[in-house]
Amino acid sequence: MPICKNCQNKWNWKQTMRKMFTLDTAMICPYCGEKQYQTRKSKRKSAFLNALVTLPLLLNILFEIPGVILLSLFPVLFFLIMSLNPFLIHLSNKEEDIISSGSK
């Protein structure tokens, strides 16, 4: 679970899920009210995990899975991935891009 870099309080699962579904990149700490941002590494892990939702399509290409099973895998994977995502979030006081600009 994320820990605020400002007040060092650990967010619970419900708070983290609520903060994840906003369009703003900043997540306001429920304890101290300061803006927190997901770290670059955390964003990459979440993006990789979210891409796993498409795994049934790849499996269908390789193994020709029946449609009923294939369609039932999507909501199961989606629920599993959304449930695991809060555990991968790490916070920072500064916003970081996913792609690093490298050394200048």
N, C-alpha and C. Protein backbone atom coordinates (compact mmCIF):
# COMPACT_ATOMS: atom_id res chain seq x y z
N MET A 1 0.83 -1.18 0.00
CA MET A 1 0.00 0.00 0.00
C MET A 1 0.88 1.25 0.00
N PRO A 2 0.39 2.31 -0.62
CA PRO A 2 1.19 3.54 -0.68
C PRO A 2 1.39 4.17 0.70
N ILE A 3 2.54 4.79 0.86
CA ILE A 3 2.85 5.53 2.08
C ILE A 3 3.15 6.97 1.67
N CYS A 4 2.46 7.91 2.28
CA CYS A 4 2.66 9.33 1.98
C CYS A 4 4.09 9.72 2.31
N LYS A 5 4.76 10.38 1.39
CA LYS A 5 6.14 10.82 1.62
C LYS A 5 6.19 12.04 2.53
N ASN A 6 5.04 12.66 2.75
CA ASN A 6 4.99 13.85 3.58
C ASN A 6 4.76 13.52 5.05
N CYS A 7 3.68 12.77 5.33
CA CYS A 7 3.31 12.49 6.73
C CYS A 7 3.62 11.05 7.14
N GLN A 8 4.10 10.23 6.20
CA GLN A 8 4.48 8.83 6.46
C GLN A 8 3.32 7.92 6.85
N ASN A 9 2.08 8.34 6.60
CA ASN A 9 0.92 7.50 6.89
C ASN A 9 0.67 6.54 5.73
N LYS A 10 0.32 5.31 6.08
CA LYS A 10 0.04 4.29 5.08
C LYS A 10 -1.44 4.36 4.70
N TRP A 11 -1.71 4.42 3.40
CA TRP A 11 -3.09 4.46 2.92
C TRP A 11 -3.65 3.06 2.94
N ASN A 12 -4.94 2.95 3.15
CA ASN A 12 -5.55 1.63 3.08
C ASN A 12 -6.01 1.34 1.65
N TRP A 13 -6.47 0.13 1.41
CA TRP A 13 -6.84 -0.32 0.06
C TRP A 13 -7.96 0.53 -0.51
N LYS A 14 -8.98 0.81 0.29
CA LYS A 14 -10.13 1.57 -0.18
C LYS A 14 -9.74 3.00 -0.56
N GLN A 15 -8.92 3.65 0.26
CA GLN A 15 -8.46 5.00 -0.05
C GLN A 15 -7.66 5.02 -1.34
N THR A 16 -6.81 4.03 -1.51
CA THR A 16 -5.97 3.96 -2.71
C THR A 16 -6.81 3.75 -3.95
N MET A 17 -7.79 2.84 -3.88
CA MET A 17 -8.66 2.60 -5.03
C MET A 17 -9.42 3.87 -5.40
N ARG A 18 -9.89 4.60 -4.42
CA ARG A 18 -10.63 5.84 -4.68
C ARG A 18 -9.73 6.87 -5.37
N LYS A 19 -8.48 6.96 -4.95
CA LYS A 19 -7.56 7.94 -5.53
C LYS A 19 -7.10 7.53 -6.93
N MET A 20 -7.09 6.22 -7.21
CA MET A 20 -6.64 5.73 -8.51
C MET A 20 -7.58 6.13 -9.64
N PHE A 21 -8.86 6.27 -9.34
CA PHE A 21 -9.86 6.52 -10.38
C PHE A 21 -10.18 8.00 -10.55
N THR A 22 -9.17 8.84 -10.49
CA THR A 22 -9.34 10.26 -10.78
C THR A 22 -8.52 10.59 -12.02
N LEU A 23 -8.92 11.63 -12.74
CA LEU A 23 -8.19 12.02 -13.95
C LEU A 23 -6.94 12.82 -13.63
N ASP A 24 -6.88 13.41 -12.45
CA ASP A 24 -5.72 14.18 -12.05
C ASP A 24 -4.57 13.23 -11.71
N THR A 25 -3.35 13.59 -12.12
CA THR A 25 -2.20 12.74 -11.83
C THR A 25 -1.80 12.81 -10.36
N ALA A 26 -2.19 13.89 -9.70
CA ALA A 26 -1.88 14.03 -8.28
C ALA A 26 -2.92 13.29 -7.44
N MET A 27 -2.46 12.66 -6.37
CA MET A 27 -3.36 12.01 -5.42
C MET A 27 -3.21 12.76 -4.11
N ILE A 28 -4.30 13.26 -3.59
CA ILE A 28 -4.27 14.03 -2.35
C ILE A 28 -4.25 13.04 -1.18
N CYS A 29 -3.29 13.23 -0.29
CA CYS A 29 -3.18 12.36 0.88
C CYS A 29 -4.40 12.55 1.78
N PRO A 30 -5.08 11.46 2.15
CA PRO A 30 -6.26 11.60 3.01
C PRO A 30 -5.92 12.02 4.45
N TYR A 31 -4.66 11.99 4.81
CA TYR A 31 -4.25 12.32 6.17
C TYR A 31 -3.73 13.76 6.30
N CYS A 32 -2.81 14.17 5.39
CA CYS A 32 -2.22 15.50 5.52
C CYS A 32 -2.70 16.47 4.43
N GLY A 33 -3.37 15.96 3.38
CA GLY A 33 -3.90 16.83 2.34
C GLY A 33 -2.89 17.28 1.30
N GLU A 34 -1.66 16.77 1.36
CA GLU A 34 -0.63 17.15 0.39
C GLU A 34 -0.75 16.31 -0.88
N LYS A 35 -0.34 16.90 -2.00
CA LYS A 35 -0.36 16.18 -3.27
C LYS A 35 0.78 15.15 -3.30
N GLN A 36 0.43 13.97 -3.77
CA GLN A 36 1.39 12.89 -3.93
C GLN A 36 1.27 12.38 -5.36
N TYR A 37 2.37 11.88 -5.90
CA TYR A 37 2.38 11.39 -7.27
C TYR A 37 2.95 9.98 -7.29
N GLN A 38 2.49 9.21 -8.26
CA GLN A 38 3.01 7.86 -8.42
C GLN A 38 4.44 7.94 -8.96
N THR A 39 5.33 7.09 -8.46
CA THR A 39 6.70 7.07 -8.95
C THR A 39 6.75 6.46 -10.35
N ARG A 40 7.82 6.73 -11.06
CA ARG A 40 8.02 6.20 -12.42
C ARG A 40 7.96 4.67 -12.41
N LYS A 41 8.65 4.06 -11.47
CA LYS A 41 8.69 2.61 -11.38
C LYS A 41 7.29 2.05 -11.11
N SER A 42 6.55 2.71 -10.26
CA SER A 42 5.20 2.29 -9.93
C SER A 42 4.28 2.39 -11.15
N LYS A 43 4.42 3.45 -11.93
CA LYS A 43 3.61 3.61 -13.15
C LYS A 43 3.91 2.50 -14.15
N ARG A 44 5.17 2.15 -14.27
CA ARG A 44 5.55 1.08 -15.21
C ARG A 44 4.97 -0.27 -14.78
N LYS A 45 5.06 -0.56 -13.48
CA LYS A 45 4.50 -1.82 -12.98
C LYS A 45 2.99 -1.87 -13.22
N SER A 46 2.30 -0.78 -12.96
CA SER A 46 0.85 -0.73 -13.16
C SER A 46 0.49 -0.88 -14.63
N ALA A 47 1.26 -0.23 -15.51
CA ALA A 47 0.99 -0.35 -16.94
C ALA A 47 1.18 -1.79 -17.42
N PHE A 48 2.22 -2.45 -16.93
CA PHE A 48 2.45 -3.85 -17.30
C PHE A 48 1.31 -4.73 -16.80
N LEU A 49 0.92 -4.52 -15.56
CA LEU A 49 -0.16 -5.31 -14.98
C LEU A 49 -1.47 -5.09 -15.73
N ASN A 50 -1.76 -3.84 -16.09
CA ASN A 50 -2.98 -3.53 -16.83
C ASN A 50 -2.98 -4.17 -18.22
N ALA A 51 -1.81 -4.30 -18.82
CA ALA A 51 -1.72 -4.93 -20.14
C ALA A 51 -2.07 -6.41 -20.09
N LEU A 52 -2.00 -7.02 -18.92
CA LEU A 52 -2.32 -8.44 -18.79
C LEU A 52 -3.81 -8.73 -19.02
N VAL A 53 -4.65 -7.68 -19.02
CA VAL A 53 -6.06 -7.89 -19.29
C VAL A 53 -6.24 -8.46 -20.71
N THR A 54 -5.33 -8.14 -21.60
CA THR A 54 -5.42 -8.63 -22.98
C THR A 54 -4.86 -10.05 -23.15
N LEU A 55 -4.40 -10.65 -22.09
CA LEU A 55 -3.84 -12.00 -22.14
C LEU A 55 -4.78 -13.04 -22.76
N PRO A 56 -6.08 -13.00 -22.49
CA PRO A 56 -6.96 -13.99 -23.13
C PRO A 56 -6.94 -13.93 -24.66
N LEU A 57 -6.73 -12.74 -25.22
CA LEU A 57 -6.66 -12.64 -26.68
C LEU A 57 -5.45 -13.39 -27.22
N LEU A 58 -4.33 -13.27 -26.55
CA LEU A 58 -3.13 -13.99 -26.95
C LEU A 58 -3.32 -15.49 -26.79
N LEU A 59 -3.93 -15.88 -25.68
CA LEU A 59 -4.20 -17.30 -25.46
C LEU A 59 -5.13 -17.86 -26.52
N ASN A 60 -6.10 -17.05 -26.95
CA ASN A 60 -7.03 -17.49 -27.98
C ASN A 60 -6.31 -17.72 -29.32
N ILE A 61 -5.36 -16.88 -29.63
CA ILE A 61 -4.60 -17.05 -30.87
C ILE A 61 -3.80 -18.34 -30.83
N LEU A 62 -3.20 -18.63 -29.69
CA LEU A 62 -2.34 -19.81 -29.57
C LEU A 62 -3.12 -21.12 -29.39
N PHE A 63 -4.23 -21.08 -28.65
CA PHE A 63 -4.90 -22.32 -28.27
C PHE A 63 -6.35 -22.44 -28.72
N GLU A 64 -6.91 -21.44 -29.38
CA GLU A 64 -8.30 -21.45 -29.83
C GLU A 64 -9.27 -21.82 -28.69
N ILE A 65 -9.33 -20.96 -27.72
CA ILE A 65 -10.19 -21.14 -26.54
C ILE A 65 -11.63 -20.84 -26.94
N PRO A 66 -12.60 -21.62 -26.47
CA PRO A 66 -14.01 -21.34 -26.77
C PRO A 66 -14.42 -19.94 -26.30
N GLY A 67 -15.33 -19.31 -27.03
CA GLY A 67 -15.74 -17.93 -26.77
C GLY A 67 -16.26 -17.69 -25.37
N VAL A 68 -17.02 -18.64 -24.83
CA VAL A 68 -17.59 -18.47 -23.49
C VAL A 68 -16.48 -18.37 -22.44
N ILE A 69 -15.51 -19.22 -22.56
CA ILE A 69 -14.38 -19.19 -21.61
C ILE A 69 -13.57 -17.91 -21.80
N LEU A 70 -13.34 -17.55 -23.05
CA LEU A 70 -12.58 -16.35 -23.36
C LEU A 70 -13.25 -15.10 -22.79
N LEU A 71 -14.56 -14.98 -23.00
CA LEU A 71 -15.28 -13.81 -22.48
C LEU A 71 -15.37 -13.80 -20.96
N SER A 72 -15.36 -14.96 -20.35
CA SER A 72 -15.41 -14.99 -18.89
C SER A 72 -14.04 -14.65 -18.27
N LEU A 73 -12.97 -14.82 -19.03
CA LEU A 73 -11.64 -14.49 -18.51
C LEU A 73 -11.42 -12.98 -18.37
N PHE A 74 -12.03 -12.18 -19.26
CA PHE A 74 -11.83 -10.73 -19.21
C PHE A 74 -12.27 -10.11 -17.88
N PRO A 75 -13.50 -10.33 -17.43
CA PRO A 75 -13.89 -9.71 -16.15
C PRO A 75 -13.12 -10.26 -14.96
N VAL A 76 -12.76 -11.54 -15.01
CA VAL A 76 -11.99 -12.13 -13.91
C VAL A 76 -10.61 -11.47 -13.84
N LEU A 77 -9.93 -11.37 -14.98
CA LEU A 77 -8.61 -10.72 -15.00
C LEU A 77 -8.71 -9.25 -14.61
N PHE A 78 -9.73 -8.56 -15.11
CA PHE A 78 -9.89 -7.15 -14.79
C PHE A 78 -10.05 -6.95 -13.28
N PHE A 79 -10.91 -7.75 -12.66
CA PHE A 79 -11.13 -7.64 -11.22
C PHE A 79 -9.85 -7.96 -10.45
N LEU A 80 -9.15 -9.00 -10.86
CA LEU A 80 -7.90 -9.39 -10.20
C LEU A 80 -6.84 -8.30 -10.30
N ILE A 81 -6.70 -7.74 -11.49
CA ILE A 81 -5.69 -6.71 -11.72
C ILE A 81 -6.04 -5.42 -10.96
N MET A 82 -7.29 -5.03 -10.98
CA MET A 82 -7.70 -3.83 -10.24
C MET A 82 -7.52 -4.02 -8.74
N SER A 83 -7.70 -5.23 -8.27
CA SER A 83 -7.52 -5.52 -6.84
C SER A 83 -6.06 -5.48 -6.43
N LEU A 84 -5.17 -5.87 -7.34
CA LEU A 84 -3.73 -5.91 -7.04
C LEU A 84 -3.04 -4.57 -7.24
N ASN A 85 -3.58 -3.72 -8.10
CA ASN A 85 -2.94 -2.45 -8.43
C ASN A 85 -2.58 -1.59 -7.22
N PRO A 86 -3.43 -1.43 -6.21
CA PRO A 86 -3.06 -0.58 -5.07
C PRO A 86 -1.80 -1.05 -4.33
N PHE A 87 -1.51 -2.33 -4.42
CA PHE A 87 -0.32 -2.84 -3.73
C PHE A 87 0.97 -2.47 -4.47
N LEU A 88 0.86 -2.05 -5.72
CA LEU A 88 2.04 -1.69 -6.51
C LEU A 88 2.34 -0.19 -6.49
N ILE A 89 1.44 0.59 -5.94
CA ILE A 89 1.61 2.04 -5.98
C ILE A 89 2.59 2.50 -4.90
N HIS A 90 3.57 3.28 -5.36
CA HIS A 90 4.52 3.95 -4.47
C HIS A 90 4.44 5.43 -4.78
N LEU A 91 4.56 6.26 -3.77
CA LEU A 91 4.34 7.69 -3.93
C LEU A 91 5.62 8.50 -3.85
N SER A 92 5.54 9.68 -4.45
CA SER A 92 6.64 10.64 -4.45
C SER A 92 6.04 12.03 -4.27
N ASN A 93 6.86 12.98 -3.82
CA ASN A 93 6.41 14.37 -3.70
C ASN A 93 6.45 15.10 -5.03
N LYS A 94 7.19 14.54 -6.01
CA LYS A 94 7.33 15.17 -7.32
C LYS A 94 6.71 14.26 -8.39
N GLU A 95 6.17 14.90 -9.44
CA GLU A 95 5.61 14.13 -10.54
C GLU A 95 6.74 13.68 -11.45
N GLU A 96 6.70 12.41 -11.84
CA GLU A 96 7.71 11.84 -12.73
C GLU A 96 7.02 11.30 -13.97
N ASP A 97 7.65 11.47 -15.13
CA ASP A 97 7.12 10.90 -16.37
C ASP A 97 7.44 9.43 -16.42
N ILE A 98 6.66 8.68 -17.17
CA ILE A 98 6.94 7.25 -17.35
C ILE A 98 8.24 7.06 -18.10
N ILE A 99 8.43 7.87 -19.15
CA ILE A 99 9.65 7.78 -19.94
C ILE A 99 10.65 8.78 -19.38
N SER A 100 11.79 8.26 -18.97
CA SER A 100 12.81 9.15 -18.42
C SER A 100 13.47 9.91 -19.55
N SER A 101 13.83 11.15 -19.28
CA SER A 101 14.45 11.98 -20.30
C SER A 101 15.94 11.71 -20.44
N GLY A 102 16.48 10.85 -19.57
CA GLY A 102 17.90 10.52 -19.64
C GLY A 102 18.75 11.63 -19.08
N SER A 103 20.04 11.44 -19.15
CA SER A 103 20.96 12.49 -18.64
C SER A 103 21.20 13.51 -19.73
N LYS A 104 21.25 14.74 -19.30
CA LYS A 104 21.46 15.85 -20.25
C LYS A 104 22.82 16.44 -20.09
